[in-house]
N, C-alpha and C. Protein backbone atom coordinates (compact mmCIF):
# COMPACT_ATOMS: atom_id res chain seq x y z
N MET A 1 2.08 2.02 13.44
CA MET A 1 3.46 0.85 12.65
C MET A 1 4.66 1.36 12.84
N VAL A 2 4.94 2.54 13.42
CA VAL A 2 6.23 3.20 13.75
C VAL A 2 6.68 3.27 15.38
N ASN A 3 6.94 3.15 16.08
CA ASN A 3 7.50 3.34 17.63
C ASN A 3 7.90 4.82 17.27
N GLN A 4 6.97 5.88 18.20
CA GLN A 4 7.78 7.14 18.49
C GLN A 4 7.93 7.34 19.71
N GLN A 5 8.98 7.48 20.60
CA GLN A 5 9.20 7.74 21.53
C GLN A 5 9.75 8.82 21.62
N ALA A 6 9.27 10.32 22.63
CA ALA A 6 10.12 11.40 22.52
C ALA A 6 11.44 11.07 23.24
N GLY A 7 12.20 11.49 22.02
CA GLY A 7 13.68 11.82 22.05
C GLY A 7 14.65 10.39 21.82
N LYS A 8 13.79 9.26 21.52
CA LYS A 8 14.36 8.39 20.77
C LYS A 8 13.95 8.49 19.19
N PRO A 9 14.93 7.67 18.14
CA PRO A 9 14.96 7.26 16.79
C PRO A 9 13.76 6.53 16.82
N TYR A 10 12.96 6.87 15.63
CA TYR A 10 11.67 6.05 15.25
C TYR A 10 12.49 4.98 14.90
N SER A 11 11.25 3.78 15.11
CA SER A 11 12.07 2.41 14.44
C SER A 11 10.29 2.04 14.00
N VAL A 12 10.68 0.80 12.98
CA VAL A 12 9.28 0.21 12.66
C VAL A 12 8.96 -0.61 14.15
N ASN A 13 7.66 -0.59 14.12
CA ASN A 13 6.97 -1.33 15.05
C ASN A 13 6.75 -3.03 14.02
N VAL A 14 7.45 -4.04 14.45
CA VAL A 14 7.11 -4.88 13.85
C VAL A 14 6.05 -5.72 13.92
N LYS A 15 5.67 -5.85 15.13
CA LYS A 15 4.07 -6.52 15.51
C LYS A 15 2.62 -5.82 14.81
N ASN A 16 2.87 -4.68 15.07
CA ASN A 16 1.91 -3.53 14.09
C ASN A 16 1.98 -4.01 12.92
N GLY A 17 3.15 -3.76 12.33
CA GLY A 17 3.16 -4.11 10.70
C GLY A 17 2.42 -5.22 10.65
N GLU A 18 2.91 -6.38 11.15
CA GLU A 18 2.11 -8.04 11.00
C GLU A 18 0.38 -8.07 11.11
N ARG A 19 0.28 -7.34 12.34
CA ARG A 19 -1.10 -7.15 12.23
C ARG A 19 -1.80 -6.22 11.18
N TYR A 20 -1.11 -5.37 11.10
CA TYR A 20 -1.61 -4.40 9.79
C TYR A 20 -1.56 -5.71 8.12
N LEU A 21 -0.57 -6.40 8.20
CA LEU A 21 -0.75 -7.04 7.06
C LEU A 21 -1.73 -8.40 6.96
N ALA A 22 -1.92 -8.80 8.29
CA ALA A 22 -3.00 -9.68 8.50
C ALA A 22 -4.25 -9.35 8.33
N TYR A 23 -4.66 -7.83 8.61
CA TYR A 23 -5.99 -7.15 8.14
C TYR A 23 -6.16 -7.23 6.99
N LEU A 24 -4.94 -6.85 6.24
CA LEU A 24 -5.01 -6.56 4.79
C LEU A 24 -5.36 -7.98 3.96
N ARG A 25 -4.88 -9.23 4.86
CA ARG A 25 -4.98 -10.72 4.12
C ARG A 25 -6.88 -11.02 4.29
N SER A 26 -6.87 -10.56 5.59
CA SER A 26 -8.29 -10.85 5.37
C SER A 26 -9.68 -10.22 4.69
N SER A 27 -8.77 -9.73 4.13
CA SER A 27 -10.09 -8.75 3.00
C SER A 27 -10.07 -10.08 1.83
N HIS A 28 -9.09 -10.99 1.87
CA HIS A 28 -9.35 -12.35 0.88
C HIS A 28 -9.12 -11.46 -0.90
N LEU A 29 -8.55 -10.60 -0.49
CA LEU A 29 -8.65 -9.68 -2.35
C LEU A 29 -7.14 -9.38 -2.50
N LEU A 30 -5.69 -10.09 -1.79
CA LEU A 30 -4.77 -9.39 -1.79
C LEU A 30 -3.76 -10.83 -1.91
N THR A 31 -3.11 -10.87 -2.81
CA THR A 31 -2.28 -11.96 -3.33
C THR A 31 -0.89 -11.88 -2.12
N ASP A 32 -0.46 -13.21 -1.60
CA ASP A 32 0.63 -13.06 -0.57
C ASP A 32 2.01 -12.28 -1.33
N ALA A 33 2.20 -12.25 -2.55
CA ALA A 33 3.21 -11.55 -3.20
C ALA A 33 2.69 -10.00 -2.79
N TYR A 34 1.55 -9.36 -2.72
CA TYR A 34 1.70 -8.10 -2.45
C TYR A 34 1.92 -7.74 -1.17
N LEU A 35 1.55 -8.91 -0.03
CA LEU A 35 1.97 -8.45 0.99
C LEU A 35 3.12 -8.98 1.73
N THR A 36 3.61 -9.58 0.74
CA THR A 36 5.41 -9.69 1.06
C THR A 36 6.10 -8.77 0.81
N GLU A 37 5.78 -7.97 -0.19
CA GLU A 37 6.28 -6.93 -0.89
C GLU A 37 6.25 -5.68 0.24
N TRP A 38 5.05 -5.43 1.08
CA TRP A 38 5.29 -4.55 2.21
C TRP A 38 6.06 -4.75 3.34
N ARG A 39 6.12 -6.36 3.54
CA ARG A 39 6.75 -6.73 4.90
C ARG A 39 8.72 -6.65 4.54
N THR A 40 8.44 -6.56 3.29
CA THR A 40 10.09 -6.19 2.49
C THR A 40 10.49 -5.00 2.57
N TYR A 41 9.20 -4.01 2.87
CA TYR A 41 9.41 -2.19 2.74
C TYR A 41 9.58 -1.88 4.13
N PHE A 42 8.72 -3.02 5.28
CA PHE A 42 9.18 -2.37 6.19
C PHE A 42 10.52 -2.65 6.72
N ASN A 43 10.84 -3.72 6.48
CA ASN A 43 12.21 -4.15 6.60
C ASN A 43 13.48 -2.89 6.15
N GLU A 44 12.81 -2.47 4.95
CA GLU A 44 13.88 -1.46 4.43
C GLU A 44 13.53 -0.17 4.96
N ARG A 45 12.60 0.52 5.57
CA ARG A 45 12.31 1.38 6.39
C ARG A 45 12.99 1.41 7.31
N GLN A 46 12.98 0.21 7.90
CA GLN A 46 13.62 -0.08 9.17
C GLN A 46 15.27 -0.01 9.34
N ALA A 47 15.79 -0.27 8.07
CA ALA A 47 17.13 -0.27 8.05
C ALA A 47 17.64 1.63 7.48
N GLY A 48 16.38 2.02 7.08
CA GLY A 48 16.84 3.55 6.91
C GLY A 48 16.46 4.37 8.08
N PHE A 49 15.69 4.09 8.87
CA PHE A 49 15.71 4.34 10.08
C PHE A 49 16.81 4.20 11.10
N ARG A 50 17.85 3.15 11.00
CA ARG A 50 19.11 2.52 11.33
C ARG A 50 20.09 3.48 10.63
N ALA A 51 20.05 3.87 9.62
CA ALA A 51 20.84 4.69 8.68
C ALA A 51 21.01 6.11 8.96
N SER A 52 19.18 6.39 9.16
CA SER A 52 19.45 7.67 8.98
C SER A 52 18.38 8.10 10.63
N PRO A 53 18.68 8.12 11.37
CA PRO A 53 17.65 8.16 12.72
C PRO A 53 17.02 9.40 12.63
N GLN A 54 15.39 9.24 12.71
CA GLN A 54 14.68 10.33 12.72
C GLN A 54 14.08 10.38 14.23
N ASN A 55 13.59 11.00 14.67
CA ASN A 55 12.84 11.18 15.79
C ASN A 55 11.87 12.95 16.18
N GLU A 56 11.25 13.10 14.84
CA GLU A 56 10.52 14.16 14.81
C GLU A 56 10.09 14.02 13.51
N GLY A 57 8.95 14.69 13.61
CA GLY A 57 8.13 15.06 11.82
C GLY A 57 7.94 13.53 11.66
N PRO A 58 6.98 13.86 10.70
CA PRO A 58 6.15 12.23 10.21
C PRO A 58 7.56 11.50 9.66
N PRO A 59 7.25 10.21 10.29
CA PRO A 59 8.29 9.30 9.69
C PRO A 59 8.38 8.84 8.40
N LEU A 60 9.37 9.03 8.25
CA LEU A 60 9.51 8.71 6.42
C LEU A 60 9.40 7.59 5.77
N GLY A 61 8.36 7.55 4.85
CA GLY A 61 8.17 6.39 3.87
C GLY A 61 6.62 5.71 5.01
N PHE A 62 6.00 6.65 6.15
CA PHE A 62 4.60 6.46 6.42
C PHE A 62 4.36 7.40 6.80
N GLU A 63 4.25 8.25 5.76
CA GLU A 63 3.94 9.54 5.80
C GLU A 63 2.55 9.62 4.82
N TYR A 64 1.99 8.36 4.10
CA TYR A 64 0.83 8.39 3.33
C TYR A 64 0.09 7.23 3.71
N ASP A 65 -0.75 7.02 3.24
CA ASP A 65 -1.45 5.50 3.28
C ASP A 65 -0.72 4.29 2.39
N LEU A 66 -1.10 3.29 3.11
CA LEU A 66 0.07 2.41 2.14
C LEU A 66 -0.76 1.67 1.06
N VAL A 67 -2.03 1.41 1.21
CA VAL A 67 -2.64 1.16 0.38
C VAL A 67 -3.10 1.83 -1.02
N LEU A 68 -3.52 2.90 -0.85
CA LEU A 68 -3.32 4.10 -2.06
C LEU A 68 -2.32 5.14 -2.10
N LEU A 69 -1.57 4.60 -1.49
CA LEU A 69 -0.23 5.31 -1.38
C LEU A 69 -0.67 6.91 -1.88
N SER A 70 -0.89 7.43 -0.96
CA SER A 70 -1.43 8.92 -1.08
C SER A 70 -2.14 9.19 0.44
N GLN A 71 -1.94 10.72 0.79
CA GLN A 71 -2.25 11.23 1.71
C GLN A 71 -3.65 11.88 2.38
N ASP A 72 -4.26 11.61 0.74
CA ASP A 72 -5.32 12.27 0.73
C ASP A 72 -7.01 11.51 0.94
N VAL A 73 -6.87 10.15 1.53
CA VAL A 73 -7.64 9.34 1.66
C VAL A 73 -8.90 9.35 1.79
N ASP A 74 -9.28 10.55 2.86
CA ASP A 74 -10.45 10.95 3.35
C ASP A 74 -11.27 11.24 1.96
N GLN A 75 -10.49 12.35 1.19
CA GLN A 75 -11.24 12.84 -0.15
C GLN A 75 -11.55 11.59 -0.69
N GLN A 76 -10.44 10.83 -1.05
CA GLN A 76 -10.74 9.69 -2.09
C GLN A 76 -11.71 8.72 -1.75
N LEU A 77 -11.46 8.39 -0.42
CA LEU A 77 -13.06 7.64 -0.03
C LEU A 77 -14.61 8.05 -0.49
N ALA A 78 -14.30 9.81 -0.13
CA ALA A 78 -15.79 10.46 -0.28
C ALA A 78 -16.40 10.49 -1.70
N SER A 79 -14.82 10.47 -2.55
CA SER A 79 -15.11 10.50 -4.17
C SER A 79 -15.07 9.21 -4.93
N LEU A 80 -15.36 8.32 -3.79
CA LEU A 80 -15.71 6.78 -4.60
C LEU A 80 -17.02 6.91 -5.58
N LYS A 81 -18.24 7.61 -5.39
CA LYS A 81 -19.24 8.02 -6.26
C LYS A 81 -18.97 7.88 -7.51
N THR A 82 -17.47 8.99 -7.58
CA THR A 82 -17.41 9.21 -9.26
C THR A 82 -16.38 8.38 -9.78
N LEU A 83 -15.90 7.41 -9.00
CA LEU A 83 -14.85 6.44 -9.34
C LEU A 83 -15.07 6.46 -10.95
N LYS A 84 -14.17 6.02 -11.74
CA LYS A 84 -14.10 6.13 -13.11
C LYS A 84 -13.08 5.32 -13.59
N ILE A 85 -13.47 4.16 -13.85
CA ILE A 85 -12.53 2.72 -14.27
C ILE A 85 -12.27 2.81 -16.24
N GLU A 86 -11.11 3.70 -15.92
CA GLU A 86 -10.46 4.14 -17.69
C GLU A 86 -10.69 2.94 -18.61
N THR A 87 -9.82 1.63 -17.83
CA THR A 87 -9.20 0.63 -19.04
C THR A 87 -9.26 -0.51 -18.09
N VAL A 88 -9.46 -1.65 -19.14
CA VAL A 88 -9.25 -3.24 -18.43
C VAL A 88 -8.88 -3.85 -19.19
N LYS A 89 -7.78 -4.57 -19.00
CA LYS A 89 -7.16 -5.62 -20.02
C LYS A 89 -6.83 -6.91 -19.45
N VAL A 90 -7.26 -7.77 -20.03
CA VAL A 90 -6.77 -9.23 -19.42
C VAL A 90 -6.43 -10.01 -20.33
N ARG A 91 -5.11 -10.16 -20.37
CA ARG A 91 -4.66 -11.83 -20.55
C ARG A 91 -4.34 -12.73 -19.98
N GLN A 92 -5.02 -13.58 -20.24
CA GLN A 92 -5.08 -15.00 -19.53
C GLN A 92 -5.30 -14.77 -18.27
N ASP A 93 -4.03 -15.11 -17.14
CA ASP A 93 -4.54 -14.95 -16.11
C ASP A 93 -3.80 -13.50 -14.96
N ARG A 94 -3.50 -12.53 -16.05
CA ARG A 94 -3.36 -11.76 -15.50
C ARG A 94 -4.61 -10.42 -16.19
N ALA A 95 -4.66 -9.51 -14.98
CA ALA A 95 -5.04 -8.05 -15.76
C ALA A 95 -4.87 -7.08 -15.02
N THR A 96 -4.96 -5.88 -16.00
CA THR A 96 -4.77 -4.42 -15.30
C THR A 96 -5.91 -3.60 -15.39
N VAL A 97 -6.47 -2.87 -14.29
CA VAL A 97 -7.64 -1.98 -14.33
C VAL A 97 -6.84 -0.53 -13.88
N LYS A 98 -7.18 0.28 -14.98
CA LYS A 98 -6.56 1.86 -14.88
C LYS A 98 -7.96 2.10 -14.42
N LEU A 99 -7.58 3.33 -13.38
CA LEU A 99 -9.44 4.20 -12.40
C LEU A 99 -8.65 5.06 -12.23
N LEU A 100 -9.56 6.05 -12.14
CA LEU A 100 -9.53 7.58 -11.67
C LEU A 100 -10.28 7.74 -9.97
N LEU A 101 -9.37 7.63 -9.15
CA LEU A 101 -9.78 7.89 -8.04
C LEU A 101 -9.16 9.08 -7.05
N LEU A 102 -9.95 10.20 -7.53
CA LEU A 102 -8.99 11.12 -7.15
C LEU A 102 -7.67 11.23 -8.18
N TYR A 103 -6.69 10.19 -8.19
CA TYR A 103 -5.71 10.28 -8.71
C TYR A 103 -5.88 8.87 -9.84
N ASN A 104 -4.84 9.06 -10.32
CA ASN A 104 -5.06 7.72 -11.40
C ASN A 104 -3.98 6.61 -11.11
N TYR A 105 -4.70 5.43 -10.92
CA TYR A 105 -4.01 4.10 -10.65
C TYR A 105 -4.11 3.15 -11.46
N GLU A 106 -3.21 2.03 -11.10
CA GLU A 106 -3.43 0.96 -12.15
C GLU A 106 -3.16 -0.09 -11.07
N PHE A 107 -4.01 -1.09 -11.18
CA PHE A 107 -4.26 -2.03 -10.55
C PHE A 107 -3.90 -3.55 -11.21
N ARG A 108 -2.99 -4.38 -10.76
CA ARG A 108 -2.60 -5.39 -11.26
C ARG A 108 -3.18 -6.45 -10.69
N LEU A 109 -3.54 -7.36 -11.60
CA LEU A 109 -4.38 -8.33 -10.90
C LEU A 109 -3.86 -9.99 -11.07
N VAL A 110 -3.87 -11.13 -10.48
CA VAL A 110 -3.13 -11.94 -11.09
C VAL A 110 -4.96 -13.18 -10.52
N LYS A 111 -5.02 -14.02 -11.97
CA LYS A 111 -5.77 -15.15 -11.41
C LYS A 111 -5.42 -16.09 -10.71
N ILE A 112 -6.05 -16.82 -9.52
CA ILE A 112 -5.73 -17.55 -8.56
C ILE A 112 -6.96 -18.81 -8.57
N ASN A 113 -6.61 -19.87 -9.27
CA ASN A 113 -7.80 -20.97 -8.59
C ASN A 113 -9.19 -20.46 -9.11
N ASN A 114 -9.21 -19.56 -10.11
CA ASN A 114 -10.60 -19.55 -10.55
C ASN A 114 -11.11 -17.58 -9.90
N ARG A 115 -10.58 -17.19 -9.29
CA ARG A 115 -10.17 -15.79 -8.25
C ARG A 115 -9.21 -14.81 -8.77
N TRP A 116 -10.05 -13.33 -8.83
CA TRP A 116 -9.24 -12.45 -9.09
C TRP A 116 -8.46 -12.09 -7.60
N PHE A 117 -7.28 -11.97 -7.71
CA PHE A 117 -6.79 -11.06 -6.62
C PHE A 117 -6.04 -10.18 -7.08
N ILE A 118 -5.98 -8.69 -5.90
CA ILE A 118 -4.58 -8.16 -6.39
C ILE A 118 -3.44 -8.45 -6.27
N ASN A 119 -2.69 -7.84 -7.47
CA ASN A 119 -1.32 -8.29 -6.57
C ASN A 119 -0.19 -7.02 -6.71
N GLU A 120 -0.77 -5.87 -6.97
CA GLU A 120 0.01 -4.52 -7.18
C GLU A 120 -0.69 -3.37 -7.31
N ILE A 121 -0.72 -2.13 -6.67
CA ILE A 121 -1.52 -1.07 -6.60
C ILE A 121 -0.09 0.05 -7.18
N LEU A 122 -0.61 0.64 -8.19
CA LEU A 122 0.32 1.56 -8.72
C LEU A 122 -0.53 3.30 -8.56
N ASN A 123 0.11 4.00 -7.68
CA ASN A 123 -0.81 5.57 -7.64
C ASN A 123 0.01 6.74 -8.86
N LEU A 124 -0.29 6.37 -10.07
CA LEU A 124 0.23 6.62 -11.22
C LEU A 124 0.60 8.14 -11.51
N SER A 125 -0.35 8.96 -10.53
CA SER A 125 -0.50 10.23 -10.49
C SER A 125 1.15 10.54 -9.25
N ALA A 126 1.55 9.63 -8.61
CA ALA A 126 2.48 9.72 -7.62
C ALA A 126 4.38 9.44 -8.78
N GLU A 127 3.63 8.94 -9.70
CA GLU A 127 4.92 8.53 -9.92
C GLU A 127 5.66 9.18 -10.94
């Protein structure tokens, strides 16, 4: 998602960012608003790279998994068997699900055409 060429400042690879968002969209589990937030994030990170050029180390803002908002994704996926849903709150066409998957998360969902979609994912342990 980030162009990293020796001796050159990092930049967001817009084409790969769009591929990533298309892949997420193909799950049919996410709202367009969720995907648009990431597109905005990519643009903000590009502006950040321009304002403060970086050419070594992990690219700032891309050093973690963008869905689970964590660097421990392998451990989290391995712990799926112990996933614990702590609370589910539904109010009309909105819902929040708090769960423990190595870290505390809150998934915010919206109901569109009688189907639930993820509209936001928060890693509460990281906030």
